Structure formats: structure tokens, C-alpha cells
Amino acid sequence: MIKVLISKNRIQKKVTELARKISRDYKGKKLVLVGILKGSFIFLADLVRNLSIPVEIDFIQVSSYGASRVSSGVIKIKKDIDLPIVDKHVLIVEDVVDFGYTLDYLLKFLKHKKPKSVKICALLDKPSRRKVKVPLSYHGFKVPDEFIVGYGLDFSEKYRNLPEIRSIGR
């Protein structure tokens, strides 16, 4: 059964709130937003449109799920960032933090590129599933231990286009 967890209106209000905080915190700084493909692309697009500061945008693509509902824990970089991030502030934009493996890996991976700072902005957080502690500087909603889709999140490349966050169970 597919049920709505977070409405389109609630998402938009939260994105606006996050953008205000990010704009305030990074005012006058060189900021690069790094979206994690594919799930974060809608969140990142909405976030960027609500920022009041100049930013650069890049993407990184990793794989840990494949067509499964459970992360393998093995992170593979499928597409690296193209922009140089030396001495710039980097904000990783993620759709959902589950086990924490991907973000833990990316924090270490990006720090080797010598940015001034690396922080995380995640729309959704599943703290009950966390295996690796990762610091979330900005986060939207805590969600239950259910498989979620919509607003960029998928199951086997389906449901990304839904305007809200829905649960399809466990």
C-alpha cells in the first residue's frame, strides 16, 4: 500500500526554511552544492531556487542499492564532481540519510579534495536505521523505517516524479 507521508506543501515550506538558513550561514562565502544523483536532483533544484546567495552546483553519483531495497554497504563512485573545490565550502545535498554509509564515504572522499569545509543537507533522515554516525548540518524531516519514494526518490527508477514523499512499506 502506498501512503503519503509528507505532502508537497510541507516539503516546499521546509525547503524554503532550509534555504534561508543556508543563505544566512554561507553569506559572503564561496559555496558549492554537490547533489547526490539521482535522488537529490528535485530537492537540489528547489533548494537552489530558494537560496539568496550565489552558489556553484555539481553532482556526484554513487551506487550502493542497485535494484534492491537494502544498501549493500559497498559504495562505488559512478560520476565524480567536475568543479574544483579547493578552499571552497561544500554542502552535500542528499535526499535521505539511511544507514549513513554513503555520506560517511563521501565526507572522506571530498575532504581529500581540500575544501574549506564539507557539510551535509538532507531532506529526509531515518535515524532508526543509522549504522554510521554522520553529522547533518541541515535536515528536513525524520521519517519512519519504511521504504519511501517520490520527490526524486525511487524504487527501480519508478516514482521519482511524485510531488510528495510516499511510503511503499518495508
C-alpha atoms as a PDB file:
ATOM      1  CA  MET A   1       0.000   0.000   0.000  1.00  0.00           C
ATOM      2  CA  ILE A   2       1.371   3.407  -0.970  1.00  0.00           C
ATOM      3  CA  LYS A   3       0.553   6.181   1.514  1.00  0.00           C
ATOM      4  CA  VAL A   4       1.518   9.863   1.631  1.00  0.00           C
ATOM      5  CA  LEU A   5       3.986  10.628   4.436  1.00  0.00           C
ATOM      6  CA  ILE A   6       4.889  14.243   3.619  1.00  0.00           C
ATOM      7  CA  SER A   7       2.761  16.489   1.423  1.00  0.00           C
ATOM      8  CA  LYS A   8       4.031  18.699  -1.371  1.00  0.00           C
ATOM      9  CA  ASN A   9       3.152  21.821   0.671  1.00  0.00           C
ATOM     10  CA  ARG A  10       5.069  20.642   3.747  1.00  0.00           C
ATOM     11  CA  ILE A  11       8.089  19.834   1.573  1.00  0.00           C
ATOM     12  CA  GLN A  12       8.054  23.284  -0.046  1.00  0.00           C
ATOM     13  CA  LYS A  13       7.821  25.053   3.330  1.00  0.00           C
ATOM     14  CA  LYS A  14      10.741  23.023   4.669  1.00  0.00           C
ATOM     15  CA  VAL A  15      12.862  23.646   1.549  1.00  0.00           C
ATOM     16  CA  THR A  16      12.261  27.403   1.913  1.00  0.00           C
ATOM     17  CA  GLU A  17      13.249  27.237   5.587  1.00  0.00           C
ATOM     18  CA  LEU A  18      16.437  25.274   4.818  1.00  0.00           C
ATOM     19  CA  ALA A  19      17.364  27.706   2.029  1.00  0.00           C
ATOM     20  CA  ARG A  20      17.033  30.674   4.400  1.00  0.00           C
ATOM     21  CA  LYS A  21      19.343  29.028   6.939  1.00  0.00           C
ATOM     22  CA  ILE A  22      21.905  28.065   4.297  1.00  0.00           C
ATOM     23  CA  SER A  23      21.817  31.557   2.753  1.00  0.00           C
ATOM     24  CA  ARG A  24      22.406  33.114   6.179  1.00  0.00           C
ATOM     25  CA  ASP A  25      25.192  30.695   7.154  1.00  0.00           C
ATOM     26  CA  TYR A  26      27.109  30.964   3.867  1.00  0.00           C
ATOM     27  CA  LYS A  27      26.619  34.662   3.082  1.00  0.00           C
ATOM     28  CA  GLY A  28      29.849  36.041   1.614  1.00  0.00           C
ATOM     29  CA  LYS A  29      31.443  32.594   1.250  1.00  0.00           C
ATOM     30  CA  LYS A  30      32.279  30.504  -1.813  1.00  0.00           C
ATOM     31  CA  LEU A  31      29.739  27.679  -1.688  1.00  0.00           C
ATOM     32  CA  VAL A  32      29.498  24.617  -3.905  1.00  0.00           C
ATOM     33  CA  LEU A  33      26.401  22.464  -3.649  1.00  0.00           C
ATOM     34  CA  VAL A  34      27.094  18.831  -4.526  1.00  0.00           C
ATOM     35  CA  GLY A  35      23.925  16.913  -5.289  1.00  0.00           C
ATOM     36  CA  ILE A  36      23.983  13.155  -4.977  1.00  0.00           C
ATOM     37  CA  LEU A  37      22.423  11.687  -8.101  1.00  0.00           C
ATOM     38  CA  LYS A  38      19.854  10.683  -8.834  1.00  0.00           C
ATOM     39  CA  GLY A  39      17.652  11.023  -5.777  1.00  0.00           C
ATOM     40  CA  SER A  40      18.541  14.568  -4.724  1.00  0.00           C
ATOM     41  CA  PHE A  41      18.007  16.326  -8.065  1.00  0.00           C
ATOM     42  CA  ILE A  42      14.481  17.604  -7.348  1.00  0.00           C
ATOM     43  CA  PHE A  43      15.340  18.673  -3.792  1.00  0.00           C
ATOM     44  CA  LEU A  44      18.516  20.395  -5.029  1.00  0.00           C
ATOM     45  CA  ALA A  45      16.633  22.238  -7.791  1.00  0.00           C
ATOM     46  CA  ASP A  46      14.012  23.536  -5.356  1.00  0.00           C
ATOM     47  CA  LEU A  47      16.648  24.415  -2.757  1.00  0.00           C
ATOM     48  CA  VAL A  48      18.747  26.402  -5.252  1.00  0.00           C
ATOM     49  CA  ARG A  49      15.731  28.392  -6.434  1.00  0.00           C
ATOM     50  CA  ASN A  50      15.134  29.470  -2.832  1.00  0.00           C
ATOM     51  CA  LEU A  51      18.715  30.493  -1.997  1.00  0.00           C
ATOM     52  CA  SER A  52      19.531  34.204  -1.844  1.00  0.00           C
ATOM     53  CA  ILE A  53      23.297  33.755  -2.285  1.00  0.00           C
ATOM     54  CA  PRO A  54      25.440  32.832  -5.293  1.00  0.00           C
ATOM     55  CA  VAL A  55      26.441  29.166  -5.469  1.00  0.00           C
ATOM     56  CA  GLU A  56      28.133  26.730  -7.791  1.00  0.00           C
ATOM     57  CA  ILE A  57      26.451  23.395  -8.426  1.00  0.00           C
ATOM     58  CA  ASP A  58      27.907  20.000  -9.222  1.00  0.00           C
ATOM     59  CA  PHE A  59      26.807  16.405  -8.970  1.00  0.00           C
ATOM     60  CA  ILE A  60      28.284  13.148  -7.823  1.00  0.00           C
ATOM     61  CA  GLN A  61      26.757   9.761  -8.485  1.00  0.00           C
ATOM     62  CA  VAL A  62      27.270   6.807  -6.196  1.00  0.00           C
ATOM     63  CA  SER A  63      25.808   3.354  -6.029  1.00  0.00           C
ATOM     64  CA  SER A  64      25.020   1.214  -3.011  1.00  0.00           C
ATOM     65  CA  TYR A  65      21.461  -0.005  -3.595  1.00  0.00           C
ATOM     66  CA  GLY A  66      21.127  -1.126  -7.218  1.00  0.00           C
ATOM     67  CA  ALA A  67      17.604  -2.509  -7.705  1.00  0.00           C
ATOM     68  CA  SER A  68      17.389  -3.628  -4.063  1.00  0.00           C
ATOM     69  CA  ARG A  69      15.563  -2.031  -1.135  1.00  0.00           C
ATOM     70  CA  VAL A  70      18.607  -2.563   1.107  1.00  0.00           C
ATOM     71  CA  SER A  71      22.020  -0.892   0.806  1.00  0.00           C
ATOM     72  CA  SER A  72      24.893  -3.253   0.146  1.00  0.00           C
ATOM     73  CA  GLY A  73      27.183  -1.015   2.213  1.00  0.00           C
ATOM     74  CA  VAL A  74      29.676  -1.009  -0.670  1.00  0.00           C
ATOM     75  CA  ILE A  75      29.927   2.483  -2.136  1.00  0.00           C
ATOM     76  CA  LYS A  76      31.001   2.982  -5.734  1.00  0.00           C
ATOM     77  CA  ILE A  77      31.596   6.360  -7.377  1.00  0.00           C
ATOM     78  CA  LYS A  78      29.864   6.277 -10.758  1.00  0.00           C
ATOM     79  CA  LYS A  79      30.387  10.001 -11.530  1.00  0.00           C
ATOM     80  CA  ASP A  80      32.805  12.308  -9.700  1.00  0.00           C
ATOM     81  CA  ILE A  81      32.390  16.068  -9.349  1.00  0.00           C
ATOM     82  CA  ASP A  82      33.842  18.246 -12.114  1.00  0.00           C
ATOM     83  CA  LEU A  83      34.340  21.543 -10.259  1.00  0.00           C
ATOM     84  CA  PRO A  84      37.472  22.216  -8.244  1.00  0.00           C
ATOM     85  CA  ILE A  85      36.525  22.624  -4.572  1.00  0.00           C
ATOM     86  CA  VAL A  86      39.897  23.618  -3.084  1.00  0.00           C
ATOM     87  CA  ASP A  87      39.342  26.342  -0.441  1.00  0.00           C
ATOM     88  CA  LYS A  88      35.580  26.424  -1.084  1.00  0.00           C
ATOM     89  CA  HIS A  89      32.785  25.441   1.245  1.00  0.00           C
ATOM     90  CA  VAL A  90      30.968  22.304   0.104  1.00  0.00           C
ATOM     91  CA  LEU A  91      27.431  21.380   1.018  1.00  0.00           C
ATOM     92  CA  ILE A  92      26.440  17.834   0.085  1.00  0.00           C
ATOM     93  CA  VAL A  93      22.744  17.720  -0.812  1.00  0.00           C
ATOM     94  CA  GLU A  94      21.157  14.327  -0.150  1.00  0.00           C
ATOM     95  CA  ASP A  95      17.607  13.051  -0.427  1.00  0.00           C
ATOM     96  CA  VAL A  96      17.562  10.609   2.500  1.00  0.00           C
ATOM     97  CA  VAL A  97      20.063   9.502   5.124  1.00  0.00           C
ATOM     98  CA  ASP A  98      19.524   5.854   5.901  1.00  0.00           C
ATOM     99  CA  PHE A  99      22.407   3.715   7.158  1.00  0.00           C
ATOM    100  CA  GLY A 100      24.917   6.562   6.718  1.00  0.00           C
ATOM    101  CA  TYR A 101      27.415   4.587   4.657  1.00  0.00           C
ATOM    102  CA  THR A 102      27.189   6.786   1.558  1.00  0.00           C
ATOM    103  CA  LEU A 103      27.573  10.094   3.372  1.00  0.00           C
ATOM    104  CA  ASP A 104      30.380   8.795   5.587  1.00  0.00           C
ATOM    105  CA  TYR A 105      32.226   7.709   2.442  1.00  0.00           C
ATOM    106  CA  LEU A 106      31.547  10.987   0.606  1.00  0.00           C
ATOM    107  CA  LEU A 107      32.673  13.163   3.524  1.00  0.00           C
ATOM    108  CA  LYS A 108      36.052  11.429   3.486  1.00  0.00           C
ATOM    109  CA  PHE A 109      36.223  11.345  -0.327  1.00  0.00           C
ATOM    110  CA  LEU A 110      35.504  15.063  -0.730  1.00  0.00           C
ATOM    111  CA  LYS A 111      37.798  16.137   2.131  1.00  0.00           C
ATOM    112  CA  HIS A 112      40.716  14.729   0.105  1.00  0.00           C
ATOM    113  CA  LYS A 113      39.961  17.434  -2.485  1.00  0.00           C
ATOM    114  CA  LYS A 114      40.892  20.081   0.128  1.00  0.00           C
ATOM    115  CA  PRO A 115      37.731  22.159   0.537  1.00  0.00           C
ATOM    116  CA  LYS A 116      37.464  24.722   3.344  1.00  0.00           C
ATOM    117  CA  SER A 117      34.570  22.740   4.815  1.00  0.00           C
ATOM    118  CA  VAL A 118      32.187  19.913   3.955  1.00  0.00           C
ATOM    119  CA  LYS A 119      28.714  19.764   5.475  1.00  0.00           C
ATOM    120  CA  ILE A 120      25.524  17.843   4.750  1.00  0.00           C
ATOM    121  CA  CYS A 121      21.995  18.953   3.927  1.00  0.00           C
ATOM    122  CA  ALA A 122      19.464  16.118   3.798  1.00  0.00           C
ATOM    123  CA  LEU A 123      15.762  16.423   3.197  1.00  0.00           C
ATOM    124  CA  LEU A 124      14.932  13.162   4.980  1.00  0.00           C
ATOM    125  CA  ASP A 125      16.506  11.378   7.918  1.00  0.00           C
ATOM    126  CA  LYS A 126      15.927   7.795   9.102  1.00  0.00           C
ATOM    127  CA  PRO A 127      17.842   7.824  12.403  1.00  0.00           C
ATOM    128  CA  SER A 128      16.483   4.426  13.483  1.00  0.00           C
ATOM    129  CA  ARG A 129      18.431   2.781  10.625  1.00  0.00           C
ATOM    130  CA  ARG A 130      21.773   4.535  11.169  1.00  0.00           C
ATOM    131  CA  LYS A 131      24.819   2.260  11.228  1.00  0.00           C
ATOM    132  CA  VAL A 132      27.404   5.040  10.779  1.00  0.00           C
ATOM    133  CA  LYS A 133      27.086   8.367  12.566  1.00  0.00           C
ATOM    134  CA  VAL A 134      27.158  11.278  10.120  1.00  0.00           C
ATOM    135  CA  PRO A 135      26.765  14.948  11.066  1.00  0.00           C
ATOM    136  CA  LEU A 136      23.701  16.544   9.476  1.00  0.00           C
ATOM    137  CA  SER A 137      24.075  20.325   9.461  1.00  0.00           C
ATOM    138  CA  TYR A 138      20.697  20.824   7.780  1.00  0.00           C
ATOM    139  CA  HIS A 139      17.848  18.347   7.694  1.00  0.00           C
ATOM    140  CA  GLY A 140      14.195  18.461   6.852  1.00  0.00           C
ATOM    141  CA  PHE A 141      12.082  15.609   8.178  1.00  0.00           C
ATOM    142  CA  LYS A 142      12.620  12.487  10.248  1.00  0.00           C
ATOM    143  CA  VAL A 143      10.875   9.558   8.600  1.00  0.00           C
ATOM    144  CA  PRO A 144       9.987   6.073   9.842  1.00  0.00           C
ATOM    145  CA  ASP A 145      11.774   2.865   8.906  1.00  0.00           C
ATOM    146  CA  GLU A 146       9.768   2.371   5.732  1.00  0.00           C
ATOM    147  CA  PHE A 147      10.769   2.341   2.082  1.00  0.00           C
ATOM    148  CA  ILE A 148       9.972   5.793   0.716  1.00  0.00           C
ATOM    149  CA  VAL A 149       9.567   7.166  -2.796  1.00  0.00           C
ATOM    150  CA  GLY A 150       8.633  10.409  -4.513  1.00  0.00           C
ATOM    151  CA  TYR A 151      10.166  13.878  -4.831  1.00  0.00           C
ATOM    152  CA  GLY A 152      13.207  12.338  -6.544  1.00  0.00           C
ATOM    153  CA  LEU A 153      13.403   9.094  -4.559  1.00  0.00           C
ATOM    154  CA  ASP A 154      12.786   5.915  -6.486  1.00  0.00           C
ATOM    155  CA  PHE A 155      12.338   2.204  -6.399  1.00  0.00           C
ATOM    156  CA  SER A 156      13.902   0.669  -9.519  1.00  0.00           C
ATOM    157  CA  GLU A 157      13.723   4.086 -11.257  1.00  0.00           C
ATOM    158  CA  LYS A 158       9.973   4.433 -10.655  1.00  0.00           C
ATOM    159  CA  TYR A 159       8.054   7.004  -8.566  1.00  0.00           C
ATOM    160  CA  ARG A 160      10.663   9.823  -8.741  1.00  0.00           C
ATOM    161  CA  ASN A 161       8.058  12.108 -10.296  1.00  0.00           C
ATOM    162  CA  LEU A 162       5.617  12.014  -7.377  1.00  0.00           C
ATOM    163  CA  PRO A 163       5.297  15.525  -5.870  1.00  0.00           C
ATOM    164  CA  GLU A 164       5.194  14.244  -2.279  1.00  0.00           C
ATOM    165  CA  ILE A 165       7.015  11.651  -0.167  1.00  0.00           C
ATOM    166  CA  ARG A 166       5.170   8.335  -0.002  1.00  0.00           C
ATOM    167  CA  SER A 167       5.780   5.066   1.799  1.00  0.00           C
ATOM    168  CA  ILE A 168       5.585   1.764  -0.036  1.00  0.00           C
ATOM    169  CA  GLY A 169       6.110  -0.260   3.159  1.00  0.00           C
ATOM    170  CA  ARG A 170       9.122  -2.257   4.248  1.00  0.00           C
END
